[in-house]
Amino acid sequence: MNAELIVLLVVVVTALGFDFTNGFHDTGNAMATSIATGALKPRVAVALSAILNLVGAFLSVEVAATVAKGVVNLSSVGGEDLLFIVFAGLVGGIIWNLATWLFGIPSSSSHALFGGLIGAAIASLGMNGVVWSGVLSKVVIPALLAPVVAGLVAAAGTWLIYRITRSVSDETKESGFRFGQVGSASLVSLAHGTNDAQKTMGVIFLALVAHGTINADSDMPFWVKLSCAVAIALGTYLGGWRVIRTLGKGLVEIAAPQGMAAEASSAAIILTSSHLGLPLSTTHVATGSIMGTGVGRRGAEVRWGVAGRMAVAWLITLPSAALVGAVCWGIAQLIGGLPGVLAVFAILLLLAGWMYARSRRQPIDSSNVNAEWDGGLIPAEDIPGPPAPPNPTPAPAPAVEPAPRNNVTA
């Protein structure tokens, strides 16, 4: 086995690792509202989402083609240089995914991946190494429009739902729409598979082209589809509880009718983008839809502070991942060849291990994901308080002198 083949294997494993993080990072896009309203139990929700993500990954390859041919300028690079770019871009995307998951920020896995690839391509080839027209038309513009359109559709749907059912009792309304949420959440999971799993397929396709295993006009190999589908499904089943909590409890106190409106809006937009080959951020769509339901329901509370922090994270995702991708490419290039790739891979494993260990200090899982939101990601009852002061040794009780006896003379 030669060094170039080992590099290719490392790149494929890293790509599947990104797909895995994409799965648990984006589970909340489909299931957060159903979990928050009680339509589905947390473990049932992530299992259902995993199965549908697996199925959805086989339904289309339009998005994969966009990723494979619409970001890095393939006419100016090939061979080992392209493998280095793909590998560094993947590492940039994974590190950003893990960092935002740690803080419970529902940022875009898609933009993390694109940012990593763009940063590595610029570091390697300069500005001409990126297909800027493709990035603008198929990444930037959809990212700006998606949350706005999703929010408007969800707001209109929520208003219409409450208008039509205004004579129905709240108890009946909640019960009925919880059943509806099972279907709408399932559709979002299916749509997520058709969009997000395709992105990793496109990256592996790039790596295979770089290695010379296939050419740029080849069809997507079946083993690539299968491995990416399984990786994203496993990640989804793990359940990104920290992000699920932010989406389900942190943005809006959501009721079942709102949840169904948000999920229906998200599914319609994601499926449309997959059909058109647009690698849309499902996170932006889902978040916009959830916020739209808060606007569309009279008296609902939208936590704009949480939304503002998320918007900042969205703005810095692409450049931050690009910076990490460029740095990783620089480290791999400085060391050179297979040792450089293995060194960056070791750094990735160390950072991933540290972030996982850090998350276990204040864990969020299926048992506390639905705890009331009180201003912070970690439920109040799970935040360790200051240690209680030790009980001082009680002072001995003062001696009580016996009362004097009265000597009465008969």
Foldseek 3Di string as FASTA:
>chain_A
DDQLVVLLVLLLVLLLVLLLLQQQLCLLLQCLQLCQQVLDQPLVSLLLLLVLLLVLLPPAQLLLLCLQPAWFPPVVDFAPLLSLLLSLLSLLLNLLSLVCLLQLFSAFSVLLSSLLSNLSQCLRPNPVRTNVVSCVPQPVVLLVVQLVQLLQQLLVQLLVVCVVCVVPDPVVVQVVLSVLSVVLSSLLSSLCSLFSLSNSLSSSVNSCCRNVVDHSPDDRDPVSSNSSSNSSSNSSSVHSLLNSLCQNAVFWSDTSSSSSSLSNSLSVVSNVCSVVNRNHGSSSNSSSSSNSSQNNDPPIDGPVVSVVVSVVCNVCSSNSSSVSSSVLSVQLPVVDGSVSSVVSVVVSVVSSVVSVVVCVVQDGDSVCSNPHDDPGSGPPVRDDDDDDDDDDDDDDDDDDDDDDDDDDDD
